[in-house]
């Protein structure tokens, strides 16, 4: 083992097995995608509720 071998970078993130690295990476990406979708759904719901509430207040204020 020479000095150059010590500084070589290993492309594997989680272990020595490339297939295991890929499987773990894919599962991590799936979990992150699920978390992103839930936040977007909540934000859409809040925007819709606030918009409809604003229209209701304007209608009641103008015609009430």
Protein backbone atom coordinates (compact mmCIF):
# COMPACT_ATOMS: atom_id res chain seq x y z
CA UNK A 1 0.00 0.00 0.00
CA UNK A 2 1.57 3.25 -1.13
CA UNK A 3 1.02 6.77 0.07
CA UNK A 4 -1.26 7.50 -2.90
CA UNK A 5 -3.70 4.74 -1.88
CA UNK A 6 -4.30 6.39 1.48
CA UNK A 7 -5.71 9.57 -0.07
CA UNK A 8 -7.97 7.96 -2.66
CA UNK A 9 -11.61 8.87 -2.13
CA UNK A 10 -14.21 6.18 -1.73
CA UNK A 11 -17.36 6.85 -3.78
CA UNK A 12 -19.51 4.74 -1.47
CA UNK A 13 -21.46 6.72 1.08
CA UNK A 14 -22.75 4.12 3.54
CA UNK A 15 -20.53 1.08 3.12
CA UNK A 16 -18.33 -1.04 0.90
CA UNK A 17 -21.20 -2.52 -1.12
CA UNK A 18 -22.27 -0.30 -4.04
CA UNK A 19 -25.67 -1.99 -4.35
CA UNK A 20 -26.42 -1.41 -0.67
CA UNK A 21 -25.39 2.23 -1.06
CA UNK A 22 -27.80 2.65 -3.96
CA UNK A 23 -30.70 1.00 -2.12
CA UNK A 24 -30.19 3.15 0.98
CA UNK A 25 -29.86 6.27 -1.17
CA UNK A 26 -33.13 5.52 -3.00
CA UNK A 27 -35.00 4.88 0.26
CA UNK A 28 -33.68 8.15 1.70
CA UNK A 29 -34.83 10.04 -1.39
CA UNK A 30 -38.30 8.48 -1.13
CA UNK A 31 -38.63 9.58 2.50
CA UNK A 32 -37.55 13.12 1.66
CA UNK A 33 -40.05 13.26 -1.20
CA UNK A 34 -42.88 12.17 1.14
CA UNK A 35 -42.00 14.91 3.62
CA UNK A 36 -41.95 17.54 0.86
CA UNK A 37 -45.40 16.52 -0.41
CA UNK A 38 -47.01 16.79 3.02
CA UNK A 39 -45.76 20.34 3.58
CA UNK A 40 -47.05 21.45 0.17
CA UNK A 41 -50.47 20.00 0.87
CA UNK A 42 -50.74 21.82 4.19
CA UNK A 43 -49.66 25.12 2.64
CA UNK A 44 -52.23 24.75 -0.14
CA UNK A 45 -54.96 24.02 2.39
CA UNK A 46 -54.06 27.08 4.49
CA UNK A 47 -53.98 29.38 1.46
CA UNK A 48 -57.37 28.10 0.30
CA UNK A 49 -58.97 28.56 3.73
CA UNK A 50 -57.55 32.08 4.14
CA UNK A 51 -58.71 33.07 0.63
CA UNK A 52 -62.26 31.82 1.18
CA UNK A 53 -62.35 33.47 4.62
CA UNK A 54 -61.24 36.77 3.11
CA UNK A 55 -63.95 36.63 0.46
CA UNK A 56 -66.55 35.79 3.09
CA UNK A 57 -65.51 38.78 5.21
CA UNK A 58 -65.67 41.11 2.20
CA UNK A 59 -69.13 39.84 1.18
CA UNK A 60 -70.50 40.17 4.71
CA UNK A 61 -68.95 43.62 5.13
CA UNK A 62 -70.31 44.94 1.80
CA UNK A 63 -73.80 43.42 1.95
CA UNK A 64 -74.30 43.07 5.68
